[in-house]
């Protein structure tokens, strides 16, 4: 299950027309039921996505134990960041949330890579 999840991420990145460069590192736990992946993607407009995810497989379910997806513009300014750090306890989706470029915070769920790249594509092509 974990291997299939990581492979899906890699295929999504490989098949994306907006990704021009990627660097992904993967580490698997001894039981093969946990993995840590991190990486950096560069897009056609020189914006970038840095990500780090620690996932655990529970049967057919993948749990995002810890994650961060940080999208920056070509000048390294924050556009958005999804994460589940435990520092915004009043948000209804705690611990999941999204930081916006203007410093605001919004509710969120862990995005899958397809959704994430669709969101970035919409930003790049607007």
PDB file of N, CA and C in Angstrom:
ATOM      1  N   UNK A   1       0.811  -1.197   0.000  1.00  0.00           N
ATOM      2  CA  UNK A   1       0.000   0.000   0.000  1.00  0.00           C
ATOM      3  C   UNK A   1       0.861   1.271   0.000  1.00  0.00           C
ATOM      4  N   UNK A   2       1.852   1.297   0.862  1.00  0.00           N
ATOM      5  CA  UNK A   2       2.747   2.458   0.932  1.00  0.00           C
ATOM      6  C   UNK A   2       3.505   2.619  -0.376  1.00  0.00           C
ATOM      7  N   UNK A   3       4.048   1.536  -0.909  1.00  0.00           N
ATOM      8  CA  UNK A   3       4.778   1.608  -2.179  1.00  0.00           C
ATOM      9  C   UNK A   3       3.898   2.142  -3.292  1.00  0.00           C
ATOM     10  N   UNK A   4       2.653   1.687  -3.363  1.00  0.00           N
ATOM     11  CA  UNK A   4       1.725   2.152  -4.393  1.00  0.00           C
ATOM     12  C   UNK A   4       1.430   3.641  -4.232  1.00  0.00           C
ATOM     13  N   UNK A   5       1.308   4.096  -2.990  1.00  0.00           N
ATOM     14  CA  UNK A   5       1.052   5.506  -2.724  1.00  0.00           C
ATOM     15  C   UNK A   5       2.222   6.369  -3.207  1.00  0.00           C
ATOM     16  N   UNK A   6       3.439   5.972  -2.873  1.00  0.00           N
ATOM     17  CA  UNK A   6       4.631   6.716  -3.300  1.00  0.00           C
ATOM     18  C   UNK A   6       4.758   6.671  -4.825  1.00  0.00           C
ATOM     19  N   UNK A   7       4.497   5.537  -5.424  1.00  0.00           N
ATOM     20  CA  UNK A   7       4.570   5.417  -6.881  1.00  0.00           C
ATOM     21  C   UNK A   7       3.557   6.334  -7.557  1.00  0.00           C
ATOM     22  N   UNK A   8       2.378   6.458  -6.982  1.00  0.00           N
ATOM     23  CA  UNK A   8       1.357   7.359  -7.533  1.00  0.00           C
ATOM     24  C   UNK A   8       1.832   8.806  -7.503  1.00  0.00           C
ATOM     25  N   UNK A   9       2.485   9.207  -6.421  1.00  0.00           N
ATOM     26  CA  UNK A   9       3.054  10.557  -6.334  1.00  0.00           C
ATOM     27  C   UNK A   9       4.081  10.759  -7.446  1.00  0.00           C
ATOM     28  N   UNK A  10       4.984   9.809  -7.602  1.00  0.00           N
ATOM     29  CA  UNK A  10       6.027   9.921  -8.627  1.00  0.00           C
ATOM     30  C   UNK A  10       5.425   9.993 -10.030  1.00  0.00           C
ATOM     31  N   UNK A  11       4.416   9.188 -10.305  1.00  0.00           N
ATOM     32  CA  UNK A  11       3.780   9.205 -11.627  1.00  0.00           C
ATOM     33  C   UNK A  11       3.047  10.516 -11.874  1.00  0.00           C
ATOM     34  N   UNK A  12       2.395  11.035 -10.852  1.00  0.00           N
ATOM     35  CA  UNK A  12       1.702  12.316 -10.985  1.00  0.00           C
ATOM     36  C   UNK A  12       2.693  13.419 -11.327  1.00  0.00           C
ATOM     37  N   UNK A  13       3.818  13.431 -10.652  1.00  0.00           N
ATOM     38  CA  UNK A  13       4.850  14.427 -10.922  1.00  0.00           C
ATOM     39  C   UNK A  13       5.415  14.241 -12.327  1.00  0.00           C
ATOM     40  N   UNK A  14       5.747  13.008 -12.686  1.00  0.00           N
ATOM     41  CA  UNK A  14       6.332  12.711 -13.995  1.00  0.00           C
ATOM     42  C   UNK A  14       5.396  13.115 -15.132  1.00  0.00           C
ATOM     43  N   UNK A  15       4.100  12.928 -14.954  1.00  0.00           N
ATOM     44  CA  UNK A  15       3.125  13.202 -16.007  1.00  0.00           C
ATOM     45  C   UNK A  15       2.625  14.637 -16.035  1.00  0.00           C
ATOM     46  N   UNK A  16       3.065  15.452 -15.096  1.00  0.00           N
ATOM     47  CA  UNK A  16       2.592  16.831 -15.039  1.00  0.00           C
ATOM     48  C   UNK A  16       3.295  17.697 -16.087  1.00  0.00           C
ATOM     49  N   UNK A  17       2.524  18.441 -16.883  1.00  0.00           N
ATOM     50  CA  UNK A  17       3.146  19.318 -17.883  1.00  0.00           C
ATOM     51  C   UNK A  17       3.762  20.578 -17.291  1.00  0.00           C
ATOM     52  N   UNK A  18       3.518  20.860 -16.015  1.00  0.00           N
ATOM     53  CA  UNK A  18       4.067  22.089 -15.422  1.00  0.00           C
ATOM     54  C   UNK A  18       5.352  21.857 -14.642  1.00  0.00           C
ATOM     55  N   UNK A  19       5.709  20.594 -14.377  1.00  0.00           N
ATOM     56  CA  UNK A  19       6.924  20.289 -13.617  1.00  0.00           C
ATOM     57  C   UNK A  19       8.105  20.200 -14.578  1.00  0.00           C
ATOM     58  N   UNK A  20       9.130  21.008 -14.335  1.00  0.00           N
ATOM     59  CA  UNK A  20      10.322  20.960 -15.182  1.00  0.00           C
ATOM     60  C   UNK A  20      11.490  20.258 -14.492  1.00  0.00           C
ATOM     61  N   UNK A  21      11.426  20.153 -13.172  1.00  0.00           N
ATOM     62  CA  UNK A  21      12.507  19.505 -12.434  1.00  0.00           C
ATOM     63  C   UNK A  21      11.953  18.969 -11.118  1.00  0.00           C
ATOM     64  N   UNK A  22      12.457  17.797 -10.717  1.00  0.00           N
ATOM     65  CA  UNK A  22      12.032  17.250  -9.430  1.00  0.00           C
ATOM     66  C   UNK A  22      13.179  16.516  -8.767  1.00  0.00           C
ATOM     67  N   UNK A  23      13.169  16.558  -7.455  1.00  0.00           N
ATOM     68  CA  UNK A  23      14.142  15.845  -6.643  1.00  0.00           C
ATOM     69  C   UNK A  23      13.361  15.243  -5.480  1.00  0.00           C
ATOM     70  N   UNK A  24      13.280  13.927  -5.432  1.00  0.00           N
ATOM     71  CA  UNK A  24      12.498  13.254  -4.408  1.00  0.00           C
ATOM     72  C   UNK A  24      13.378  12.235  -3.692  1.00  0.00           C
ATOM     73  N   UNK A  25      13.294  12.250  -2.374  1.00  0.00           N
ATOM     74  CA  UNK A  25      13.990  11.270  -1.552  1.00  0.00           C
ATOM     75  C   UNK A  25      12.945  10.474  -0.790  1.00  0.00           C
ATOM     76  N   UNK A  26      13.128   9.161  -0.740  1.00  0.00           N
ATOM     77  CA  UNK A  26      12.168   8.278  -0.075  1.00  0.00           C
ATOM     78  C   UNK A  26      12.894   7.399   0.921  1.00  0.00           C
ATOM     79  N   UNK A  27      12.254   7.208   2.055  1.00  0.00           N
ATOM     80  CA  UNK A  27      12.784   6.336   3.098  1.00  0.00           C
ATOM     81  C   UNK A  27      11.636   5.463   3.581  1.00  0.00           C
ATOM     82  N   UNK A  28      11.854   4.176   3.628  1.00  0.00           N
ATOM     83  CA  UNK A  28      10.813   3.251   4.053  1.00  0.00           C
ATOM     84  C   UNK A  28      11.182   2.663   5.411  1.00  0.00           C
ATOM     85  N   UNK A  29      10.163   2.492   6.269  1.00  0.00           N
ATOM     86  CA  UNK A  29      10.368   1.900   7.578  1.00  0.00           C
ATOM     87  C   UNK A  29      10.626   0.413   7.463  1.00  0.00           C
ATOM     88  N   UNK A  30      11.088  -0.195   8.535  1.00  0.00           N
ATOM     89  CA  UNK A  30      11.436  -1.624   8.505  1.00  0.00           C
ATOM     90  C   UNK A  30      10.236  -2.541   8.250  1.00  0.00           C
ATOM     91  N   UNK A  31       9.027  -2.079   8.569  1.00  0.00           N
ATOM     92  CA  UNK A  31       7.849  -2.923   8.379  1.00  0.00           C
ATOM     93  C   UNK A  31       7.188  -2.690   7.024  1.00  0.00           C
ATOM     94  N   UNK A  32       7.667  -1.745   6.255  1.00  0.00           N
ATOM     95  CA  UNK A  32       7.075  -1.353   4.968  1.00  0.00           C
ATOM     96  C   UNK A  32       5.679  -0.758   5.131  1.00  0.00           C
ATOM     97  N   UNK A  33       5.281  -0.473   6.359  1.00  0.00           N
ATOM     98  CA  UNK A  33       3.983   0.151   6.617  1.00  0.00           C
ATOM     99  C   UNK A  33       4.124   1.623   6.973  1.00  0.00           C
ATOM    100  N   UNK A  34       5.315   2.151   6.784  1.00  0.00           N
ATOM    101  CA  UNK A  34       5.536   3.573   7.010  1.00  0.00           C
ATOM    102  C   UNK A  34       6.599   4.058   6.039  1.00  0.00           C
ATOM    103  N   UNK A  35       6.504   5.343   5.701  1.00  0.00           N
ATOM    104  CA  UNK A  35       7.469   5.921   4.768  1.00  0.00           C
ATOM    105  C   UNK A  35       7.577   7.418   5.020  1.00  0.00           C
ATOM    106  N   UNK A  36       8.727   7.942   4.665  1.00  0.00           N
ATOM    107  CA  UNK A  36       8.977   9.377   4.711  1.00  0.00           C
ATOM    108  C   UNK A  36       9.454   9.756   3.318  1.00  0.00           C
ATOM    109  N   UNK A  37       8.833  10.766   2.770  1.00  0.00           N
ATOM    110  CA  UNK A  37       9.261  11.260   1.455  1.00  0.00           C
ATOM    111  C   UNK A  37       9.366  12.773   1.532  1.00  0.00           C
ATOM    112  N   UNK A  38      10.374  13.272   0.867  1.00  0.00           N
ATOM    113  CA  UNK A  38      10.525  14.724   0.782  1.00  0.00           C
ATOM    114  C   UNK A  38      11.073  15.061  -0.585  1.00  0.00           C
ATOM    115  N   UNK A  39      10.815  16.279  -0.984  1.00  0.00           N
ATOM    116  CA  UNK A  39      11.289  16.651  -2.300  1.00  0.00           C
ATOM    117  C   UNK A  39      11.067  18.109  -2.614  1.00  0.00           C
ATOM    118  N   UNK A  40      11.498  18.441  -3.806  1.00  0.00           N
ATOM    119  CA  UNK A  40      11.390  19.801  -4.313  1.00  0.00           C
ATOM    120  C   UNK A  40      11.045  19.705  -5.789  1.00  0.00           C
ATOM    121  N   UNK A  41      10.016  20.427  -6.195  1.00  0.00           N
ATOM    122  CA  UNK A  41       9.624  20.499  -7.589  1.00  0.00           C
ATOM    123  C   UNK A  41       9.805  21.927  -8.082  1.00  0.00           C
ATOM    124  N   UNK A  42      10.286  22.063  -9.305  1.00  0.00           N
ATOM    125  CA  UNK A  42      10.379  23.367  -9.953  1.00  0.00           C
ATOM    126  C   UNK A  42       9.396  23.346 -11.112  1.00  0.00           C
ATOM    127  N   UNK A  43       8.639  24.441 -11.254  1.00  0.00           N
ATOM    128  CA  UNK A  43       7.606  24.520 -12.273  1.00  0.00           C
ATOM    129  C   UNK A  43       8.016  25.431 -13.431  1.00  0.00           C
ATOM    130  N   UNK A  44       7.204  25.446 -14.469  1.00  0.00           N
ATOM    131  CA  UNK A  44       7.544  26.168 -15.702  1.00  0.00           C
ATOM    132  C   UNK A  44       7.729  27.669 -15.499  1.00  0.00           C
ATOM    133  N   UNK A  45       7.165  28.224 -14.437  1.00  0.00           N
ATOM    134  CA  UNK A  45       7.340  29.655 -14.164  1.00  0.00           C
ATOM    135  C   UNK A  45       8.410  29.907 -13.099  1.00  0.00           C
ATOM    136  N   UNK A  46       9.182  28.884 -12.773  1.00  0.00           N
ATOM    137  CA  UNK A  46      10.256  28.909 -11.779  1.00  0.00           C
ATOM    138  C   UNK A  46       9.746  29.013 -10.347  1.00  0.00           C
ATOM    139  N   UNK A  47       8.456  28.823 -10.143  1.00  0.00           N
ATOM    140  CA  UNK A  47       7.949  28.678  -8.781  1.00  0.00           C
ATOM    141  C   UNK A  47       8.333  27.276  -8.305  1.00  0.00           C
ATOM    142  N   UNK A  48       8.141  27.001  -7.008  1.00  0.00           N
ATOM    143  CA  UNK A  48       8.596  25.712  -6.498  1.00  0.00           C
ATOM    144  C   UNK A  48       7.669  25.184  -5.398  1.00  0.00           C
ATOM    145  N   UNK A  49       7.715  23.890  -5.233  1.00  0.00           N
ATOM    146  CA  UNK A  49       6.987  23.213  -4.169  1.00  0.00           C
ATOM    147  C   UNK A  49       7.983  22.376  -3.384  1.00  0.00           C
ATOM    148  N   UNK A  50       8.053  22.632  -2.093  1.00  0.00           N
ATOM    149  CA  UNK A  50       8.833  21.785  -1.193  1.00  0.00           C
ATOM    150  C   UNK A  50       7.838  20.972  -0.393  1.00  0.00           C
ATOM    151  N   UNK A  51       8.113  19.697  -0.231  1.00  0.00           N
ATOM    152  CA  UNK A  51       7.187  18.875   0.530  1.00  0.00           C
ATOM    153  C   UNK A  51       7.935  17.871   1.390  1.00  0.00           C
ATOM    154  N   UNK A  52       7.269  17.484   2.462  1.00  0.00           N
ATOM    155  CA  UNK A  52       7.758  16.433   3.347  1.00  0.00           C
ATOM    156  C   UNK A  52       6.528  15.742   3.913  1.00  0.00           C
ATOM    157  N   UNK A  53       6.484  14.415   3.784  1.00  0.00           N
ATOM    158  CA  UNK A  53       5.350  13.663   4.319  1.00  0.00           C
ATOM    159  C   UNK A  53       5.856  12.418   5.034  1.00  0.00           C
ATOM    160  N   UNK A  54       5.259  12.166   6.174  1.00  0.00           N
ATOM    161  CA  UNK A  54       5.493  10.919   6.892  1.00  0.00           C
ATOM    162  C   UNK A  54       4.153  10.221   6.926  1.00  0.00           C
ATOM    163  N   UNK A  55       4.075   9.070   6.286  1.00  0.00           N
ATOM    164  CA  UNK A  55       2.807   8.375   6.155  1.00  0.00           C
ATOM    165  C   UNK A  55       2.883   6.984   6.778  1.00  0.00           C
ATOM    166  N   UNK A  56       1.727   6.536   7.232  1.00  0.00           N
ATOM    167  CA  UNK A  56       1.604   5.218   7.844  1.00  0.00           C
ATOM    168  C   UNK A  56       0.473   4.486   7.139  1.00  0.00           C
ATOM    169  N   UNK A  57       0.710   3.232   6.789  1.00  0.00           N
ATOM    170  CA  UNK A  57      -0.323   2.411   6.177  1.00  0.00           C
ATOM    171  C   UNK A  57      -1.094   1.646   7.238  1.00  0.00           C
ATOM    172  N   UNK A  58      -2.392   1.777   7.211  1.00  0.00           N
ATOM    173  CA  UNK A  58      -3.284   1.034   8.124  1.00  0.00           C
ATOM    174  C   UNK A  58      -4.270   0.268   7.248  1.00  0.00           C
ATOM    175  N   UNK A  59      -3.934  -0.969   6.928  1.00  0.00           N
ATOM    176  CA  UNK A  59      -4.772  -1.737   6.012  1.00  0.00           C
ATOM    177  C   UNK A  59      -4.740  -1.095   4.634  1.00  0.00           C
ATOM    178  N   UNK A  60      -5.905  -0.696   4.131  1.00  0.00           N
ATOM    179  CA  UNK A  60      -5.978  -0.040   2.826  1.00  0.00           C
ATOM    180  C   UNK A  60      -6.018   1.478   2.948  1.00  0.00           C
ATOM    181  N   UNK A  61      -5.772   1.993   4.137  1.00  0.00           N
ATOM    182  CA  UNK A  61      -5.836   3.426   4.390  1.00  0.00           C
ATOM    183  C   UNK A  61      -4.438   3.990   4.617  1.00  0.00           C
ATOM    184  N   UNK A  62      -4.196   5.174   4.080  1.00  0.00           N
ATOM    185  CA  UNK A  62      -2.940   5.891   4.294  1.00  0.00           C
ATOM    186  C   UNK A  62      -3.219   7.042   5.256  1.00  0.00           C
ATOM    187  N   UNK A  63      -2.454   7.108   6.321  1.00  0.00           N
ATOM    188  CA  UNK A  63      -2.604   8.183   7.301  1.00  0.00           C
ATOM    189  C   UNK A  63      -1.432   9.148   7.143  1.00  0.00           C
ATOM    190  N   UNK A  64      -1.759  10.423   6.977  1.00  0.00           N
ATOM    191  CA  UNK A  64      -0.747  11.474   6.914  1.00  0.00           C
ATOM    192  C   UNK A  64      -0.400  11.844   8.346  1.00  0.00           C
ATOM    193  N   UNK A  65       0.625  11.216   8.891  1.00  0.00           N
ATOM    194  CA  UNK A  65       1.013  11.473  10.272  1.00  0.00           C
ATOM    195  C   UNK A  65       1.581  12.879  10.414  1.00  0.00           C
ATOM    196  N   UNK A  66       2.486  13.235   9.547  1.00  0.00           N
ATOM    197  CA  UNK A  66       3.062  14.587   9.511  1.00  0.00           C
ATOM    198  C   UNK A  66       3.257  14.962   8.050  1.00  0.00           C
ATOM    199  N   UNK A  67       2.951  16.205   7.724  1.00  0.00           N
ATOM    200  CA  UNK A  67       3.158  16.638   6.338  1.00  0.00           C
ATOM    201  C   UNK A  67       3.301  18.152   6.245  1.00  0.00           C
ATOM    202  N   UNK A  68       3.939  18.559   5.158  1.00  0.00           N
ATOM    203  CA  UNK A  68       4.078  19.979   4.808  1.00  0.00           C
ATOM    204  C   UNK A  68       4.222  20.059   3.301  1.00  0.00           C
ATOM    205  N   UNK A  69       3.380  20.870   2.674  1.00  0.00           N
ATOM    206  CA  UNK A  69       3.466  21.152   1.239  1.00  0.00           C
ATOM    207  C   UNK A  69       3.552  22.665   1.114  1.00  0.00           C
ATOM    208  N   UNK A  70       4.722  23.185   0.787  1.00  0.00           N
ATOM    209  CA  UNK A  70       4.929  24.631   0.740  1.00  0.00           C
ATOM    210  C   UNK A  70       5.214  25.072  -0.690  1.00  0.00           C
ATOM    211  N   UNK A  71       4.307  25.894  -1.220  1.00  0.00           N
ATOM    212  CA  UNK A  71       4.437  26.405  -2.585  1.00  0.00           C
ATOM    213  C   UNK A  71       4.912  27.850  -2.533  1.00  0.00           C
ATOM    214  N   UNK A  72       5.993  28.121  -3.265  1.00  0.00           N
ATOM    215  CA  UNK A  72       6.617  29.443  -3.284  1.00  0.00           C
ATOM    216  C   UNK A  72       6.653  29.967  -4.716  1.00  0.00           C
ATOM    217  N   UNK A  73       6.520  31.284  -4.863  1.00  0.00           N
ATOM    218  CA  UNK A  73       6.622  31.859  -6.205  1.00  0.00           C
ATOM    219  C   UNK A  73       8.086  31.923  -6.646  1.00  0.00           C
ATOM    220  N   UNK A  74       8.327  32.449  -7.818  1.00  0.00           N
ATOM    221  CA  UNK A  74       9.689  32.462  -8.378  1.00  0.00           C
ATOM    222  C   UNK A  74      10.650  33.347  -7.581  1.00  0.00           C
ATOM    223  N   UNK A  75      10.117  34.193  -6.711  1.00  0.00           N
ATOM    224  CA  UNK A  75      10.954  35.045  -5.865  1.00  0.00           C
ATOM    225  C   UNK A  75      11.036  34.506  -4.440  1.00  0.00           C
ATOM    226  N   UNK A  76      10.663  33.234  -4.267  1.00  0.00           N
ATOM    227  CA  UNK A  76      10.686  32.538  -2.972  1.00  0.00           C
ATOM    228  C   UNK A  76       9.770  33.154  -1.924  1.00  0.00           C
ATOM    229  N   UNK A  77       8.647  33.713  -2.373  1.00  0.00           N
ATOM    230  CA  UNK A  77       7.632  34.223  -1.456  1.00  0.00           C
ATOM    231  C   UNK A  77       6.545  33.158  -1.314  1.00  0.00           C
ATOM    232  N   UNK A  78       6.051  32.996  -0.104  1.00  0.00           N
ATOM    233  CA  UNK A  78       5.022  32.002   0.151  1.00  0.00           C
ATOM    234  C   UNK A  78       3.761  32.308  -0.642  1.00  0.00           C
ATOM    235  N   UNK A  79       3.249  31.294  -1.334  1.00  0.00           N
ATOM    236  CA  UNK A  79       1.935  31.369  -1.967  1.00  0.00           C
ATOM    237  C   UNK A  79       0.941  30.646  -1.066  1.00  0.00           C
ATOM    238  N   UNK A  80       1.277  29.415  -0.669  1.00  0.00           N
ATOM    239  CA  UNK A  80       0.488  28.688   0.315  1.00  0.00           C
ATOM    240  C   UNK A  80       1.305  27.566   0.918  1.00  0.00           C
ATOM    241  N   UNK A  81       0.852  27.101   2.078  1.00  0.00           N
ATOM    242  CA  UNK A  81       1.465  25.943   2.726  1.00  0.00           C
ATOM    243  C   UNK A  81       0.375  25.145   3.438  1.00  0.00           C
ATOM    244  N   UNK A  82       0.279  23.884   3.096  1.00  0.00           N
ATOM    245  CA  UNK A  82      -0.575  22.951   3.827  1.00  0.00           C
ATOM    246  C   UNK A  82       0.312  22.257   4.856  1.00  0.00           C
ATOM    247  N   UNK A  83      -0.181  22.126   6.091  1.00  0.00           N
ATOM    248  CA  UNK A  83       0.559  21.338   7.068  1.00  0.00           C
ATOM    249  C   UNK A  83      -0.366  20.898   8.190  1.00  0.00           C
ATOM    250  N   UNK A  84       0.157  20.050   9.037  1.00  0.00           N
ATOM    251  CA  UNK A  84      -0.624  19.596  10.185  1.00  0.00           C
ATOM    252  C   UNK A  84       0.148  19.766  11.490  1.00  0.00           C
ATOM    253  N   UNK A  85       0.959  20.831  11.546  1.00  0.00           N
ATOM    254  CA  UNK A  85       1.619  21.172  12.805  1.00  0.00           C
ATOM    255  C   UNK A  85       0.537  21.521  13.827  1.00  0.00           C
ATOM    256  N   UNK A  86       0.760  21.172  15.054  1.00  0.00           N
ATOM    257  CA  UNK A  86      -0.257  21.332  16.098  1.00  0.00           C
ATOM    258  C   UNK A  86      -0.260  22.718  16.737  1.00  0.00           C
ATOM    259  N   UNK A  87      -0.228  23.778  15.937  1.00  0.00           N
ATOM    260  CA  UNK A  87      -0.147  25.111  16.518  1.00  0.00           C
ATOM    261  C   UNK A  87      -1.390  25.981  16.300  1.00  0.00           C
ATOM    262  N   UNK A  88      -2.417  25.487  15.621  1.00  0.00           N
ATOM    263  CA  UNK A  88      -3.639  26.281  15.418  1.00  0.00           C
ATOM    264  C   UNK A  88      -4.838  25.486  15.913  1.00  0.00           C
ATOM    265  N   UNK A  89      -4.957  25.391  17.209  1.00  0.00           N
ATOM    266  CA  UNK A  89      -5.955  24.516  17.828  1.00  0.00           C
ATOM    267  C   UNK A  89      -7.394  24.983  17.655  1.00  0.00           C
ATOM    268  N   UNK A  90      -7.607  26.240  17.311  1.00  0.00           N
ATOM    269  CA  UNK A  90      -8.973  26.753  17.189  1.00  0.00           C
ATOM    270  C   UNK A  90      -9.584  26.501  15.804  1.00  0.00           C
ATOM    271  N   UNK A  91      -8.802  26.048  14.854  1.00  0.00           N
ATOM    272  CA  UNK A  91      -9.331  25.820  13.508  1.00  0.00           C
ATOM    273  C   UNK A  91     -10.121  24.508  13.484  1.00  0.00           C
ATOM    274  N   UNK A  92     -11.228  24.493  12.771  1.00  0.00           N
ATOM    275  CA  UNK A  92     -12.144  23.341  12.834  1.00  0.00           C
ATOM    276  C   UNK A  92     -11.547  22.058  12.267  1.00  0.00           C
ATOM    277  N   UNK A  93     -10.553  22.167  11.407  1.00  0.00           N
ATOM    278  CA  UNK A  93      -9.924  20.964  10.848  1.00  0.00           C
ATOM    279  C   UNK A  93      -8.617  20.610  11.554  1.00  0.00           C
ATOM    280  N   UNK A  94      -8.437  21.175  12.757  1.00  0.00           N
ATOM    281  CA  UNK A  94      -7.212  20.924  13.526  1.00  0.00           C
ATOM    282  C   UNK A  94      -6.883  19.433  13.535  1.00  0.00           C
ATOM    283  N   UNK A  95      -5.636  19.081  13.276  1.00  0.00           N
ATOM    284  CA  UNK A  95      -4.466  19.945  13.115  1.00  0.00           C
ATOM    285  C   UNK A  95      -4.219  20.379  11.665  1.00  0.00           C
ATOM    286  N   UNK A  96      -5.070  19.961  10.748  1.00  0.00           N
ATOM    287  CA  UNK A  96      -4.875  20.267   9.324  1.00  0.00           C
ATOM    288  C   UNK A  96      -5.290  21.710   9.026  1.00  0.00           C
ATOM    289  N   UNK A  97      -4.447  22.414   8.279  1.00  0.00           N
ATOM    290  CA  UNK A  97      -4.738  23.801   7.935  1.00  0.00           C
ATOM    291  C   UNK A  97      -3.889  24.239   6.739  1.00  0.00           C
ATOM    292  N   UNK A  98      -4.214  25.424   6.233  1.00  0.00           N
ATOM    293  CA  UNK A  98      -3.503  25.977   5.079  1.00  0.00           C
ATOM    294  C   UNK A  98      -3.160  27.432   5.372  1.00  0.00           C
ATOM    295  N   UNK A  99      -1.882  27.769   5.217  1.00  0.00           N
ATOM    296  CA  UNK A  99      -1.404  29.141   5.340  1.00  0.00           C
ATOM    297  C   UNK A  99      -1.476  29.785   3.958  1.00  0.00           C
ATOM    298  N   UNK A 100      -1.935  31.021   3.901  1.00  0.00           N
ATOM    299  CA  UNK A 100      -2.031  31.746   2.640  1.00  0.00           C
ATOM    300  C   UNK A 100      -0.963  32.830   2.577  1.00  0.00           C
ATOM    301  N   UNK A 101      -0.725  33.329   1.385  1.00  0.00           N
ATOM    302  CA  UNK A 101       0.355  34.311   1.154  1.00  0.00           C
ATOM    303  C   UNK A 101       0.174  35.582   1.961  1.00  0.00           C
ATOM    304  N   UNK A 102      -1.048  35.938   2.299  1.00  0.00           N
ATOM    305  CA  UNK A 102      -1.303  37.179   3.028  1.00  0.00           C
ATOM    306  C   UNK A 102      -1.264  37.006   4.547  1.00  0.00           C
ATOM    307  N   UNK A 103      -0.798  35.836   4.999  1.00  0.00           N
ATOM    308  CA  UNK A 103      -0.696  35.571   6.421  1.00  0.00           C
ATOM    309  C   UNK A 103      -1.956  34.974   7.026  1.00  0.00           C
ATOM    310  N   UNK A 104      -3.003  34.862   6.237  1.00  0.00           N
ATOM    311  CA  UNK A 104      -4.241  34.277   6.743  1.00  0.00           C
ATOM    312  C   UNK A 104      -4.126  32.764   6.800  1.00  0.00           C
ATOM    313  N   UNK A 105      -5.048  32.180   7.542  1.00  0.00           N
ATOM    314  CA  UNK A 105      -5.088  30.750   7.759  1.00  0.00           C
ATOM    315  C   UNK A 105      -6.483  30.263   7.395  1.00  0.00           C
ATOM    316  N   UNK A 106      -6.561  29.071   6.799  1.00  0.00           N
ATOM    317  CA  UNK A 106      -7.859  28.519   6.448  1.00  0.00           C
ATOM    318  C   UNK A 106      -7.909  27.026   6.770  1.00  0.00           C
ATOM    319  N   UNK A 107      -9.106  26.487   6.813  1.00  0.00           N
ATOM    320  CA  UNK A 107      -9.281  25.058   7.047  1.00  0.00           C
ATOM    321  C   UNK A 107      -8.751  24.287   5.843  1.00  0.00           C
ATOM    322  N   UNK A 108      -8.385  23.048   6.080  1.00  0.00           N
ATOM    323  CA  UNK A 108      -7.859  22.226   4.993  1.00  0.00           C
ATOM    324  C   UNK A 108      -7.871  20.764   5.406  1.00  0.00           C
ATOM    325  N   UNK A 109      -7.747  19.922   4.414  1.00  0.00           N
ATOM    326  CA  UNK A 109      -7.492  18.506   4.624  1.00  0.00           C
ATOM    327  C   UNK A 109      -6.208  18.189   3.878  1.00  0.00           C
ATOM    328  N   UNK A 110      -5.550  17.089   4.196  1.00  0.00           N
ATOM    329  CA  UNK A 110      -4.314  16.779   3.474  1.00  0.00           C
ATOM    330  C   UNK A 110      -4.604  16.620   1.976  1.00  0.00           C
ATOM    331  N   UNK A 111      -3.965  17.411   1.128  1.00  0.00           N
ATOM    332  CA  UNK A 111      -4.233  17.302  -0.304  1.00  0.00           C
ATOM    333  C   UNK A 111      -3.498  16.110  -0.907  1.00  0.00           C
ATOM    334  N   UNK A 112      -4.088  15.495  -1.928  1.00  0.00           N
ATOM    335  CA  UNK A 112      -3.304  14.499  -2.651  1.00  0.00           C
ATOM    336  C   UNK A 112      -2.510  15.237  -3.731  1.00  0.00           C
ATOM    337  N   UNK A 113      -1.539  14.574  -4.307  1.00  0.00           N
ATOM    338  CA  UNK A 113      -0.647  15.262  -5.236  1.00  0.00           C
ATOM    339  C   UNK A 113      -1.366  15.754  -6.487  1.00  0.00           C
ATOM    340  N   UNK A 114      -2.344  15.009  -6.966  1.00  0.00           N
ATOM    341  CA  UNK A 114      -3.099  15.462  -8.139  1.00  0.00           C
ATOM    342  C   UNK A 114      -3.805  16.780  -7.856  1.00  0.00           C
ATOM    343  N   UNK A 115      -4.481  16.860  -6.703  1.00  0.00           N
ATOM    344  CA  UNK A 115      -5.174  18.093  -6.322  1.00  0.00           C
ATOM    345  C   UNK A 115      -4.192  19.244  -6.144  1.00  0.00           C
ATOM    346  N   UNK A 116      -3.070  18.947  -5.545  1.00  0.00           N
ATOM    347  CA  UNK A 116      -2.050  19.959  -5.306  1.00  0.00           C
ATOM    348  C   UNK A 116      -1.529  20.525  -6.621  1.00  0.00           C
ATOM    349  N   UNK A 117      -1.224  19.658  -7.563  1.00  0.00           N
ATOM    350  CA  UNK A 117      -0.721  20.129  -8.851  1.00  0.00           C
ATOM    351  C   UNK A 117      -1.794  20.845  -9.657  1.00  0.00           C
ATOM    352  N   UNK A 118      -3.059  20.467  -9.494  1.00  0.00           N
ATOM    353  CA  UNK A 118      -4.156  21.196 -10.139  1.00  0.00           C
ATOM    354  C   UNK A 118      -4.251  22.603  -9.572  1.00  0.00           C
ATOM    355  N   UNK A 119      -4.122  22.742  -8.256  1.00  0.00           N
ATOM    356  CA  UNK A 119      -4.168  24.051  -7.617  1.00  0.00           C
ATOM    357  C   UNK A 119      -3.001  24.919  -8.106  1.00  0.00           C
ATOM    358  N   UNK A 120      -1.826  24.341  -8.189  1.00  0.00           N
ATOM    359  CA  UNK A 120      -0.658  25.106  -8.658  1.00  0.00           C
ATOM    360  C   UNK A 120      -0.805  25.453 -10.136  1.00  0.00           C
ATOM    361  N   UNK A 121      -1.318  24.533 -10.942  1.00  0.00           N
ATOM    362  CA  UNK A 121      -1.555  24.809 -12.368  1.00  0.00           C
ATOM    363  C   UNK A 121      -2.491  25.999 -12.530  1.00  0.00           C
ATOM    364  N   UNK A 122      -3.550  26.043 -11.748  1.00  0.00           N
ATOM    365  CA  UNK A 122      -4.501  27.155 -11.823  1.00  0.00           C
ATOM    366  C   UNK A 122      -3.815  28.477 -11.482  1.00  0.00           C
ATOM    367  N   UNK A 123      -2.930  28.473 -10.517  1.00  0.00           N
ATOM    368  CA  UNK A 123      -2.209  29.688 -10.144  1.00  0.00           C
ATOM    369  C   UNK A 123      -1.259  30.117 -11.272  1.00  0.00           C
ATOM    370  N   UNK A 124      -0.525  29.164 -11.812  1.00  0.00           N
ATOM    371  CA  UNK A 124       0.453  29.477 -12.857  1.00  0.00           C
ATOM    372  C   UNK A 124      -0.222  29.995 -14.123  1.00  0.00           C
ATOM    373  N   UNK A 125      -1.376  29.424 -14.460  1.00  0.00           N
ATOM    374  CA  UNK A 125      -2.020  29.774 -15.738  1.00  0.00           C
ATOM    375  C   UNK A 125      -3.017  30.932 -15.637  1.00  0.00           C
ATOM    376  N   UNK A 126      -3.207  31.480 -14.451  1.00  0.00           N
ATOM    377  CA  UNK A 126      -4.169  32.597 -14.330  1.00  0.00           C
ATOM    378  C   UNK A 126      -3.614  33.886 -14.886  1.00  0.00           C
TER     379      UNK A 126
END
